[in-house]
Amino acid sequence: MKKIVASLFLGLMLGSGLNAQTVNQGDQIINLGFGFDPYYSFSSAGGVRKGAVGPIVLGYEYIVTEKLGIGRISAGGILGQSFYNEKYTIGWTDYHNKNSRTAIIARAAYHFDLPVKGLDLYAGVGGGVYINHHVDRTVSPNGVETKSTSSRATGGHYVFGGVRYFFTDAFGMYVEAGHGFNAINGGFAFKF
């Protein structure tokens, strides 16, 4: 009897969402979130104090196609901003380095059609540019301060997978894991 009830319940749940398409051609989605950068280690070992914030993520996607196979294709981009700092002393000299990284990434994703209303499972690839800005400050024992700045741009990639759940037709939450841009980020999703 328990197996029959469980089978009926599962069938009802899956059957009720069989035509539930979470994303459709022409939908636009904006993600606003916060992530963790895999390229920066947090520590205070050996007298070096490190810290980081971000990346703060703003993403946009446009669902380009009707259903192709078992899902749809989107195109869009991400703008991300990360901040890092590092403080340490060697001998009597203090070092304080501040760095930031701006990521501008174009990306495409495949959104799988799932039989669960509100659920958007996707995976994709992207590429773009990372703009790194460094400010290094040194204070010598006699109080003399020197400062140097540098900036450079490098190409970068982003391979990712994620999931969104829309509580309403227009509002949801997301989490995304990947390589290249950050290890994981998540936050709010808005569909219009």
N, C-alpha and C. Protein backbone atom coordinates (compact mmCIF):
# COMPACT_ATOMS: atom_id res chain seq x y z
N MET A 1 0.82 -1.19 0.00
CA MET A 1 0.00 0.00 0.00
C MET A 1 0.87 1.26 0.00
N LYS A 2 1.97 1.27 0.78
CA LYS A 2 2.86 2.43 0.84
C LYS A 2 3.48 2.69 -0.52
N LYS A 3 3.84 1.62 -1.24
CA LYS A 3 4.44 1.78 -2.56
C LYS A 3 3.44 2.39 -3.55
N ILE A 4 2.18 1.98 -3.46
CA ILE A 4 1.16 2.51 -4.35
C ILE A 4 0.92 3.99 -4.09
N VAL A 5 0.83 4.36 -2.80
CA VAL A 5 0.63 5.76 -2.44
C VAL A 5 1.83 6.60 -2.87
N ALA A 6 3.03 6.09 -2.64
CA ALA A 6 4.24 6.81 -3.04
C ALA A 6 4.29 6.97 -4.56
N SER A 7 3.94 5.92 -5.30
CA SER A 7 3.93 5.98 -6.76
C SER A 7 2.90 6.99 -7.27
N LEU A 8 1.71 6.99 -6.69
CA LEU A 8 0.68 7.94 -7.08
C LEU A 8 1.11 9.38 -6.79
N PHE A 9 1.70 9.59 -5.61
CA PHE A 9 2.17 10.92 -5.22
C PHE A 9 3.25 11.41 -6.18
N LEU A 10 4.23 10.54 -6.47
CA LEU A 10 5.32 10.91 -7.38
C LEU A 10 4.77 11.20 -8.77
N GLY A 11 3.86 10.35 -9.24
CA GLY A 11 3.24 10.56 -10.55
C GLY A 11 2.47 11.86 -10.61
N LEU A 12 1.75 12.20 -9.55
CA LEU A 12 0.99 13.44 -9.50
C LEU A 12 1.93 14.64 -9.51
N MET A 13 3.02 14.57 -8.75
CA MET A 13 3.97 15.68 -8.69
C MET A 13 4.65 15.89 -10.04
N LEU A 14 5.11 14.79 -10.65
CA LEU A 14 5.78 14.92 -11.94
C LEU A 14 4.79 15.30 -13.04
N GLY A 15 3.62 14.70 -13.01
CA GLY A 15 2.62 14.97 -14.03
C GLY A 15 2.10 16.39 -13.99
N SER A 16 2.01 16.97 -12.81
CA SER A 16 1.47 18.32 -12.69
C SER A 16 2.40 19.36 -13.30
N GLY A 17 3.67 19.01 -13.43
CA GLY A 17 4.62 19.99 -13.96
C GLY A 17 5.16 19.64 -15.33
N LEU A 18 4.60 18.62 -16.01
CA LEU A 18 5.17 18.20 -17.28
C LEU A 18 5.19 19.31 -18.32
N ASN A 19 4.25 20.19 -18.31
CA ASN A 19 4.23 21.29 -19.25
C ASN A 19 4.68 22.59 -18.60
N ALA A 20 5.32 22.50 -17.46
CA ALA A 20 5.76 23.69 -16.74
C ALA A 20 7.12 24.13 -17.28
N GLN A 21 7.12 25.07 -18.19
CA GLN A 21 8.35 25.59 -18.74
C GLN A 21 8.74 26.82 -17.93
N THR A 22 9.86 26.72 -17.28
CA THR A 22 10.29 27.83 -16.44
C THR A 22 10.81 29.00 -17.26
N VAL A 23 11.55 28.69 -18.34
CA VAL A 23 12.03 29.75 -19.23
C VAL A 23 11.52 29.49 -20.64
N ASN A 24 11.22 30.55 -21.34
CA ASN A 24 10.71 30.47 -22.71
C ASN A 24 11.46 31.46 -23.58
N GLN A 25 11.40 31.23 -24.89
CA GLN A 25 12.05 32.14 -25.82
C GLN A 25 11.55 33.57 -25.57
N GLY A 26 12.50 34.50 -25.52
CA GLY A 26 12.17 35.90 -25.29
C GLY A 26 12.26 36.33 -23.84
N ASP A 27 12.32 35.38 -22.90
CA ASP A 27 12.47 35.75 -21.49
C ASP A 27 13.83 36.41 -21.26
N GLN A 28 13.85 37.38 -20.36
CA GLN A 28 15.09 38.04 -19.94
C GLN A 28 15.24 37.82 -18.45
N ILE A 29 16.47 37.49 -18.04
CA ILE A 29 16.73 37.19 -16.63
C ILE A 29 17.92 38.03 -16.17
N ILE A 30 17.76 38.64 -15.01
CA ILE A 30 18.85 39.39 -14.38
C ILE A 30 19.18 38.71 -13.06
N ASN A 31 20.47 38.41 -12.87
CA ASN A 31 20.97 37.86 -11.61
C ASN A 31 21.71 38.95 -10.86
N LEU A 32 21.50 39.03 -9.58
CA LEU A 32 22.24 39.94 -8.71
C LEU A 32 22.71 39.11 -7.53
N GLY A 33 24.04 38.94 -7.40
CA GLY A 33 24.51 38.03 -6.37
C GLY A 33 25.89 38.38 -5.83
N PHE A 34 26.39 37.44 -5.07
CA PHE A 34 27.66 37.58 -4.38
C PHE A 34 28.37 36.24 -4.46
N GLY A 35 29.69 36.25 -4.67
CA GLY A 35 30.41 35.00 -4.82
C GLY A 35 31.70 34.94 -4.04
N PHE A 36 32.42 33.85 -4.26
CA PHE A 36 33.71 33.61 -3.63
C PHE A 36 34.74 33.34 -4.71
N ASP A 37 35.85 34.05 -4.67
CA ASP A 37 36.89 33.95 -5.68
C ASP A 37 37.83 32.80 -5.35
N PRO A 38 38.04 31.85 -6.28
CA PRO A 38 38.89 30.70 -5.99
C PRO A 38 40.38 31.02 -6.04
N TYR A 39 40.73 32.17 -6.57
CA TYR A 39 42.14 32.48 -6.78
C TYR A 39 42.77 33.27 -5.64
N TYR A 40 42.05 33.40 -4.56
CA TYR A 40 42.58 34.17 -3.44
C TYR A 40 42.38 33.37 -2.17
N SER A 41 43.48 33.15 -1.46
CA SER A 41 43.37 32.38 -0.21
C SER A 41 43.26 33.34 0.97
N PHE A 42 42.35 33.02 1.87
CA PHE A 42 42.17 33.81 3.08
C PHE A 42 43.05 33.21 4.16
N SER A 43 43.88 34.03 4.79
CA SER A 43 44.72 33.48 5.85
C SER A 43 45.31 34.61 6.67
N SER A 44 45.92 34.20 7.75
CA SER A 44 46.75 35.12 8.54
C SER A 44 48.00 34.36 8.97
N ALA A 45 48.41 33.40 8.16
CA ALA A 45 49.59 32.58 8.48
C ALA A 45 50.87 33.36 8.23
N GLY A 46 51.86 33.09 9.03
CA GLY A 46 53.17 33.70 8.86
C GLY A 46 53.17 35.21 8.95
N GLY A 47 52.21 35.78 9.63
CA GLY A 47 52.15 37.22 9.78
C GLY A 47 51.53 37.94 8.61
N VAL A 48 51.14 37.22 7.58
CA VAL A 48 50.47 37.83 6.43
C VAL A 48 48.97 37.76 6.66
N ARG A 49 48.33 38.93 6.65
CA ARG A 49 46.88 38.98 6.81
C ARG A 49 46.24 39.26 5.46
N LYS A 50 45.39 38.35 5.01
CA LYS A 50 44.73 38.49 3.71
C LYS A 50 43.22 38.54 3.90
N GLY A 51 42.57 39.26 3.02
CA GLY A 51 41.12 39.31 3.02
C GLY A 51 40.60 39.60 1.63
N ALA A 52 39.35 39.29 1.39
CA ALA A 52 38.76 39.53 0.07
C ALA A 52 37.27 39.77 0.21
N VAL A 53 36.73 40.49 -0.75
CA VAL A 53 35.29 40.70 -0.86
C VAL A 53 34.92 40.41 -2.31
N GLY A 54 33.96 39.56 -2.48
CA GLY A 54 33.40 39.34 -3.80
C GLY A 54 33.88 38.09 -4.49
N PRO A 55 33.43 38.00 -5.71
CA PRO A 55 32.92 39.07 -6.54
C PRO A 55 31.45 39.40 -6.29
N ILE A 56 31.15 40.65 -6.51
CA ILE A 56 29.77 41.10 -6.57
C ILE A 56 29.36 40.91 -8.03
N VAL A 57 28.24 40.24 -8.27
CA VAL A 57 27.90 39.77 -9.61
C VAL A 57 26.61 40.40 -10.11
N LEU A 58 26.65 40.90 -11.34
CA LEU A 58 25.46 41.35 -12.05
C LEU A 58 25.46 40.62 -13.38
N GLY A 59 24.42 39.82 -13.63
CA GLY A 59 24.36 39.04 -14.85
C GLY A 59 23.06 39.27 -15.61
N TYR A 60 23.13 39.06 -16.91
CA TYR A 60 21.97 39.21 -17.78
C TYR A 60 21.92 38.05 -18.76
N GLU A 61 20.71 37.51 -19.00
CA GLU A 61 20.53 36.45 -19.99
C GLU A 61 19.26 36.71 -20.78
N TYR A 62 19.32 36.34 -22.05
CA TYR A 62 18.17 36.41 -22.93
C TYR A 62 17.97 35.01 -23.51
N ILE A 63 16.78 34.45 -23.36
CA ILE A 63 16.50 33.11 -23.89
C ILE A 63 16.29 33.26 -25.40
N VAL A 64 17.23 32.74 -26.16
CA VAL A 64 17.28 32.99 -27.60
C VAL A 64 16.37 32.05 -28.39
N THR A 65 16.32 30.78 -28.02
CA THR A 65 15.66 29.79 -28.87
C THR A 65 14.39 29.23 -28.24
N GLU A 66 13.57 28.67 -29.12
CA GLU A 66 12.50 27.78 -28.67
C GLU A 66 13.18 26.50 -28.22
N LYS A 67 12.42 25.52 -27.85
CA LYS A 67 12.98 24.27 -27.35
C LYS A 67 13.82 23.58 -28.43
N LEU A 68 15.07 23.30 -28.08
CA LEU A 68 15.99 22.53 -28.93
C LEU A 68 16.40 21.30 -28.14
N GLY A 69 15.94 20.13 -28.56
CA GLY A 69 16.24 18.93 -27.80
C GLY A 69 15.48 18.93 -26.49
N ILE A 70 16.22 18.97 -25.39
CA ILE A 70 15.59 18.94 -24.07
C ILE A 70 15.69 20.27 -23.34
N GLY A 71 15.92 21.35 -24.09
CA GLY A 71 16.02 22.65 -23.42
C GLY A 71 16.10 23.81 -24.39
N ARG A 72 16.57 24.94 -23.90
CA ARG A 72 16.67 26.17 -24.66
C ARG A 72 18.05 26.80 -24.47
N ILE A 73 18.42 27.65 -25.41
CA ILE A 73 19.74 28.31 -25.35
C ILE A 73 19.55 29.78 -25.00
N SER A 74 20.45 30.28 -24.13
CA SER A 74 20.43 31.70 -23.77
C SER A 74 21.79 32.32 -24.09
N ALA A 75 21.80 33.62 -24.24
CA ALA A 75 23.03 34.39 -24.43
C ALA A 75 22.97 35.58 -23.48
N GLY A 76 24.13 36.01 -23.03
CA GLY A 76 24.15 37.14 -22.11
C GLY A 76 25.55 37.47 -21.65
N GLY A 77 25.64 38.02 -20.45
CA GLY A 77 26.94 38.42 -19.94
C GLY A 77 26.92 38.62 -18.44
N ILE A 78 28.12 38.76 -17.89
CA ILE A 78 28.31 38.98 -16.46
C ILE A 78 29.29 40.13 -16.27
N LEU A 79 29.00 40.94 -15.28
CA LEU A 79 29.92 41.96 -14.79
C LEU A 79 30.18 41.63 -13.32
N GLY A 80 31.44 41.43 -12.97
CA GLY A 80 31.79 41.08 -11.60
C GLY A 80 32.90 41.96 -11.06
N GLN A 81 32.87 42.23 -9.76
CA GLN A 81 33.88 43.08 -9.13
C GLN A 81 34.34 42.44 -7.83
N SER A 82 35.66 42.23 -7.70
CA SER A 82 36.26 41.66 -6.50
C SER A 82 37.29 42.63 -5.93
N PHE A 83 37.46 42.58 -4.60
CA PHE A 83 38.43 43.42 -3.91
C PHE A 83 39.27 42.55 -2.98
N TYR A 84 40.58 42.78 -2.95
CA TYR A 84 41.50 41.99 -2.14
C TYR A 84 42.44 42.92 -1.39
N ASN A 85 42.89 42.48 -0.21
CA ASN A 85 43.94 43.23 0.48
C ASN A 85 44.86 42.26 1.18
N GLU A 86 46.07 42.74 1.43
CA GLU A 86 47.11 41.92 2.04
C GLU A 86 48.01 42.84 2.86
N LYS A 87 48.25 42.48 4.10
CA LYS A 87 49.13 43.26 4.97
C LYS A 87 50.17 42.33 5.59
N TYR A 88 51.43 42.79 5.62
CA TYR A 88 52.48 42.01 6.27
C TYR A 88 53.67 42.93 6.56
N THR A 89 54.56 42.43 7.40
CA THR A 89 55.76 43.16 7.79
C THR A 89 56.97 42.28 7.56
N ILE A 90 57.99 42.87 6.94
CA ILE A 90 59.28 42.19 6.79
C ILE A 90 60.31 43.10 7.44
N GLY A 91 60.95 42.56 8.46
CA GLY A 91 61.87 43.39 9.24
C GLY A 91 61.08 44.50 9.91
N TRP A 92 61.43 45.76 9.59
CA TRP A 92 60.72 46.90 10.16
C TRP A 92 59.84 47.60 9.13
N THR A 93 59.72 47.00 7.94
CA THR A 93 58.96 47.63 6.86
C THR A 93 57.57 47.01 6.76
N ASP A 94 56.55 47.87 6.70
CA ASP A 94 55.16 47.42 6.56
C ASP A 94 54.73 47.48 5.10
N TYR A 95 54.03 46.46 4.66
CA TYR A 95 53.51 46.38 3.30
C TYR A 95 51.99 46.25 3.36
N HIS A 96 51.32 47.02 2.52
CA HIS A 96 49.86 46.95 2.43
C HIS A 96 49.50 47.02 0.95
N ASN A 97 49.00 45.91 0.42
CA ASN A 97 48.66 45.82 -0.99
C ASN A 97 47.14 45.73 -1.14
N LYS A 98 46.60 46.56 -2.02
CA LYS A 98 45.17 46.51 -2.34
C LYS A 98 45.04 46.20 -3.82
N ASN A 99 44.19 45.24 -4.12
CA ASN A 99 43.98 44.83 -5.50
C ASN A 99 42.49 44.73 -5.78
N SER A 100 42.14 44.89 -7.03
CA SER A 100 40.76 44.68 -7.45
C SER A 100 40.77 43.99 -8.80
N ARG A 101 39.69 43.26 -9.07
CA ARG A 101 39.56 42.58 -10.37
C ARG A 101 38.15 42.82 -10.89
N THR A 102 38.05 43.38 -12.08
CA THR A 102 36.78 43.57 -12.76
C THR A 102 36.69 42.51 -13.86
N ALA A 103 35.60 41.78 -13.88
CA ALA A 103 35.39 40.75 -14.91
C ALA A 103 34.25 41.18 -15.82
N ILE A 104 34.49 41.13 -17.11
CA ILE A 104 33.47 41.40 -18.12
C ILE A 104 33.42 40.16 -19.01
N ILE A 105 32.35 39.39 -18.91
CA ILE A 105 32.29 38.09 -19.55
C ILE A 105 31.02 37.95 -20.38
N ALA A 106 31.18 37.54 -21.63
CA ALA A 106 30.04 37.15 -22.46
C ALA A 106 29.86 35.65 -22.29
N ARG A 107 28.60 35.18 -22.27
CA ARG A 107 28.39 33.76 -22.03
C ARG A 107 27.15 33.25 -22.72
N ALA A 108 27.10 31.93 -22.89
CA ALA A 108 25.94 31.24 -23.45
C ALA A 108 25.65 30.04 -22.56
N ALA A 109 24.37 29.69 -22.44
CA ALA A 109 23.99 28.57 -21.57
C ALA A 109 22.88 27.75 -22.22
N TYR A 110 22.80 26.51 -21.79
CA TYR A 110 21.72 25.61 -22.20
C TYR A 110 20.86 25.36 -20.98
N HIS A 111 19.56 25.66 -21.08
CA HIS A 111 18.62 25.53 -19.97
C HIS A 111 17.78 24.27 -20.20
N PHE A 112 17.90 23.32 -19.29
CA PHE A 112 17.21 22.05 -19.42
C PHE A 112 15.74 22.19 -19.01
N ASP A 113 14.85 21.63 -19.83
CA ASP A 113 13.43 21.60 -19.51
C ASP A 113 13.20 20.51 -18.47
N LEU A 114 12.79 20.87 -17.29
CA LEU A 114 12.54 19.91 -16.22
C LEU A 114 11.06 19.90 -15.87
N PRO A 115 10.56 18.78 -15.40
CA PRO A 115 9.13 18.69 -15.06
C PRO A 115 8.81 19.26 -13.68
N VAL A 116 9.48 20.30 -13.28
CA VAL A 116 9.23 20.93 -11.98
C VAL A 116 9.03 22.42 -12.23
N LYS A 117 7.84 22.88 -11.95
CA LYS A 117 7.53 24.30 -12.17
C LYS A 117 8.44 25.18 -11.32
N GLY A 118 9.03 26.20 -11.97
CA GLY A 118 9.87 27.15 -11.28
C GLY A 118 11.34 26.80 -11.25
N LEU A 119 11.72 25.58 -11.64
CA LEU A 119 13.12 25.13 -11.56
C LEU A 119 13.80 25.32 -12.91
N ASP A 120 14.95 25.98 -12.91
CA ASP A 120 15.74 26.23 -14.11
C ASP A 120 17.15 25.70 -13.87
N LEU A 121 17.49 24.58 -14.49
CA LEU A 121 18.82 23.97 -14.40
C LEU A 121 19.55 24.29 -15.69
N TYR A 122 20.80 24.81 -15.59
CA TYR A 122 21.50 25.24 -16.79
C TYR A 122 23.00 25.02 -16.66
N ALA A 123 23.68 25.01 -17.80
CA ALA A 123 25.14 24.89 -17.86
C ALA A 123 25.62 25.66 -19.08
N GLY A 124 26.85 26.17 -19.03
CA GLY A 124 27.33 26.93 -20.17
C GLY A 124 28.79 27.28 -20.10
N VAL A 125 29.19 28.12 -21.06
CA VAL A 125 30.58 28.57 -21.17
C VAL A 125 30.58 30.07 -21.46
N GLY A 126 31.70 30.70 -21.15
CA GLY A 126 31.84 32.12 -21.42
C GLY A 126 33.29 32.51 -21.56
N GLY A 127 33.50 33.68 -22.07
CA GLY A 127 34.84 34.22 -22.21
C GLY A 127 34.79 35.73 -22.14
N GLY A 128 35.91 36.31 -21.74
CA GLY A 128 35.92 37.76 -21.64
C GLY A 128 37.25 38.29 -21.18
N VAL A 129 37.19 39.39 -20.47
CA VAL A 129 38.41 40.07 -20.03
C VAL A 129 38.35 40.30 -18.52
N TYR A 130 39.50 40.15 -17.88
CA TYR A 130 39.67 40.48 -16.47
C TYR A 130 40.60 41.68 -16.39
N ILE A 131 40.16 42.73 -15.72
CA ILE A 131 40.97 43.93 -15.55
C ILE A 131 41.44 43.96 -14.10
N ASN A 132 42.74 43.81 -13.92
CA ASN A 132 43.34 43.76 -12.58
C ASN A 132 44.02 45.08 -12.27
N HIS A 133 43.75 45.62 -11.10
CA HIS A 133 44.34 46.88 -10.66
C HIS A 133 45.02 46.65 -9.31
N HIS A 134 46.29 47.05 -9.21
CA HIS A 134 47.09 46.83 -8.00
C HIS A 134 47.58 48.16 -7.44
N VAL A 135 47.48 48.32 -6.13
CA VAL A 135 48.05 49.46 -5.42
C VAL A 135 48.90 48.89 -4.30
N ASP A 136 50.20 49.06 -4.38
CA ASP A 136 51.13 48.55 -3.38
C ASP A 136 51.70 49.73 -2.59
N ARG A 137 51.57 49.66 -1.26
CA ARG A 137 52.04 50.74 -0.39
C ARG A 137 53.04 50.15 0.59
N THR A 138 54.17 50.84 0.75
CA THR A 138 55.23 50.42 1.67
C THR A 138 55.54 51.56 2.62
N VAL A 139 55.64 51.23 3.91
CA VAL A 139 56.02 52.23 4.92
C VAL A 139 57.31 51.74 5.57
N SER A 140 58.40 52.52 5.40
CA SER A 140 59.70 52.14 5.95
C SER A 140 59.78 52.49 7.43
N PRO A 141 60.79 51.98 8.13
CA PRO A 141 60.91 52.25 9.57
C PRO A 141 60.98 53.73 9.92
N ASN A 142 61.51 54.56 9.02
CA ASN A 142 61.60 56.00 9.33
C ASN A 142 60.34 56.76 8.92
N GLY A 143 59.26 56.03 8.53
CA GLY A 143 57.98 56.65 8.22
C GLY A 143 57.80 57.09 6.79
N VAL A 144 58.77 56.82 5.92
CA VAL A 144 58.65 57.20 4.53
C VAL A 144 57.72 56.21 3.82
N GLU A 145 56.73 56.77 3.14
CA GLU A 145 55.75 55.94 2.44
C GLU A 145 55.97 56.00 0.94
N THR A 146 55.96 54.83 0.30
CA THR A 146 56.04 54.77 -1.16
C THR A 146 54.81 54.02 -1.66
N LYS A 147 54.36 54.44 -2.82
CA LYS A 147 53.17 53.82 -3.38
C LYS A 147 53.39 53.59 -4.87
N SER A 148 52.94 52.43 -5.35
CA SER A 148 53.00 52.16 -6.78
C SER A 148 51.67 51.56 -7.21
N THR A 149 51.26 51.88 -8.42
CA THR A 149 50.01 51.34 -8.97
C THR A 149 50.29 50.73 -10.32
N SER A 150 49.51 49.73 -10.66
CA SER A 150 49.61 49.11 -11.97
C SER A 150 48.26 48.50 -12.33
N SER A 151 48.01 48.41 -13.61
CA SER A 151 46.79 47.78 -14.11
C SER A 151 47.14 46.96 -15.34
N ARG A 152 46.39 45.87 -15.53
CA ARG A 152 46.57 45.09 -16.74
C ARG A 152 45.29 44.32 -17.02
N ALA A 153 45.08 44.04 -18.28
CA ALA A 153 43.91 43.27 -18.70
C ALA A 153 44.38 41.94 -19.26
N THR A 154 43.66 40.88 -18.91
CA THR A 154 43.95 39.55 -19.41
C THR A 154 42.66 38.89 -19.88
N GLY A 155 42.80 37.99 -20.82
CA GLY A 155 41.65 37.22 -21.27
C GLY A 155 41.32 36.14 -20.26
N GLY A 156 40.09 35.72 -20.24
CA GLY A 156 39.70 34.70 -19.29
C GLY A 156 38.53 33.88 -19.79
N HIS A 157 38.30 32.77 -19.14
CA HIS A 157 37.21 31.87 -19.49
C HIS A 157 36.29 31.68 -18.27
N TYR A 158 35.14 31.09 -18.52
CA TYR A 158 34.21 30.74 -17.45
C TYR A 158 33.38 29.55 -17.91
N VAL A 159 33.53 28.45 -17.22
CA VAL A 159 32.72 27.24 -17.44
C VAL A 159 31.86 27.09 -16.19
N PHE A 160 30.54 26.92 -16.35
CA PHE A 160 29.67 27.00 -15.19
C PHE A 160 28.45 26.09 -15.31
N GLY A 161 27.84 25.87 -14.18
CA GLY A 161 26.55 25.20 -14.09
C GLY A 161 25.78 25.84 -12.96
N GLY A 162 24.47 25.88 -13.08
CA GLY A 162 23.70 26.54 -12.04
C GLY A 162 22.28 26.08 -11.99
N VAL A 163 21.60 26.56 -10.98
CA VAL A 163 20.19 26.27 -10.81
C VAL A 163 19.50 27.52 -10.26
N ARG A 164 18.31 27.78 -10.81
CA ARG A 164 17.47 28.87 -10.31
C ARG A 164 16.14 28.27 -9.89
N TYR A 165 15.56 28.87 -8.88
CA TYR A 165 14.20 28.50 -8.53
C TYR A 165 13.39 29.78 -8.44
N PHE A 166 12.34 29.86 -9.26
CA PHE A 166 11.47 31.03 -9.28
C PHE A 166 10.28 30.78 -8.38
N PHE A 167 10.15 31.59 -7.34
CA PHE A 167 9.02 31.51 -6.42
C PHE A 167 7.75 32.06 -7.05
N THR A 168 7.93 33.05 -7.92
CA THR A 168 6.83 33.62 -8.69
C THR A 168 7.29 33.63 -10.15
N ASP A 169 6.46 34.12 -11.04
CA ASP A 169 6.86 34.20 -12.45
C ASP A 169 8.02 35.16 -12.66
N ALA A 170 8.24 36.08 -11.74
CA ALA A 170 9.25 37.11 -11.94
C ALA A 170 10.38 37.11 -10.93
N PHE A 171 10.29 36.40 -9.81
CA PHE A 171 11.29 36.48 -8.76
C PHE A 171 11.74 35.09 -8.31
N GLY A 172 13.07 34.96 -8.18
CA GLY A 172 13.61 33.70 -7.69
C GLY A 172 14.98 33.90 -7.08
N MET A 173 15.63 32.77 -6.81
CA MET A 173 16.99 32.77 -6.29
C MET A 173 17.81 31.82 -7.15
N TYR A 174 19.13 32.02 -7.15
CA TYR A 174 20.00 31.18 -7.94
C TYR A 174 21.29 30.85 -7.19
N VAL A 175 21.93 29.79 -7.62
CA VAL A 175 23.28 29.45 -7.19
C VAL A 175 24.00 28.89 -8.41
N GLU A 176 25.26 29.28 -8.57
CA GLU A 176 26.02 28.91 -9.75
C GLU A 176 27.44 28.55 -9.34
N ALA A 177 27.95 27.44 -9.85
CA ALA A 177 29.32 27.01 -9.57
C ALA A 177 30.08 26.96 -10.88
N GLY A 178 31.37 27.27 -10.82
CA GLY A 178 32.12 27.25 -12.07
C GLY A 178 33.61 27.35 -11.87
N HIS A 179 34.29 27.53 -13.00
CA HIS A 179 35.74 27.66 -13.00
C HIS A 179 36.12 28.83 -13.91
N GLY A 180 37.01 29.68 -13.44
CA GLY A 180 37.50 30.80 -14.22
C GLY A 180 37.11 32.14 -13.65
N PHE A 181 35.83 32.33 -13.38
CA PHE A 181 35.36 33.61 -12.84
C PHE A 181 35.31 33.56 -11.33
N ASN A 182 34.68 32.55 -10.78
CA ASN A 182 34.66 32.31 -9.34
C ASN A 182 34.26 30.87 -9.09
N ALA A 183 34.40 30.44 -7.87
CA ALA A 183 34.06 29.06 -7.53
C ALA A 183 32.55 28.90 -7.37
N ILE A 184 31.92 29.85 -6.70
CA ILE A 184 30.48 29.77 -6.48
C ILE A 184 29.93 31.17 -6.25
N ASN A 185 28.73 31.42 -6.78
CA ASN A 185 28.05 32.67 -6.48
C ASN A 185 26.56 32.39 -6.45
N GLY A 186 25.84 33.24 -5.77
CA GLY A 186 24.41 33.06 -5.65
C GLY A 186 23.73 34.34 -5.24
N GLY A 187 22.43 34.35 -5.39
CA GLY A 187 21.68 35.54 -5.01
C GLY A 187 20.29 35.52 -5.58
N PHE A 188 19.85 36.68 -6.07
CA PHE A 188 18.48 36.87 -6.54
C PHE A 188 18.42 36.83 -8.06
N ALA A 189 17.30 36.34 -8.58
CA ALA A 189 17.06 36.29 -10.02
C ALA A 189 15.73 36.97 -10.30
N PHE A 190 15.71 37.79 -11.34
CA PHE A 190 14.53 38.52 -11.76
C PHE A 190 14.25 38.21 -13.23
N LYS A 191 13.05 37.77 -13.54
CA LYS A 191 12.68 37.40 -14.91
C LYS A 191 11.61 38.35 -15.41
N PHE A 192 11.77 38.82 -16.63
CA PHE A 192 10.76 39.68 -17.25
C PHE A 192 10.70 39.42 -18.74
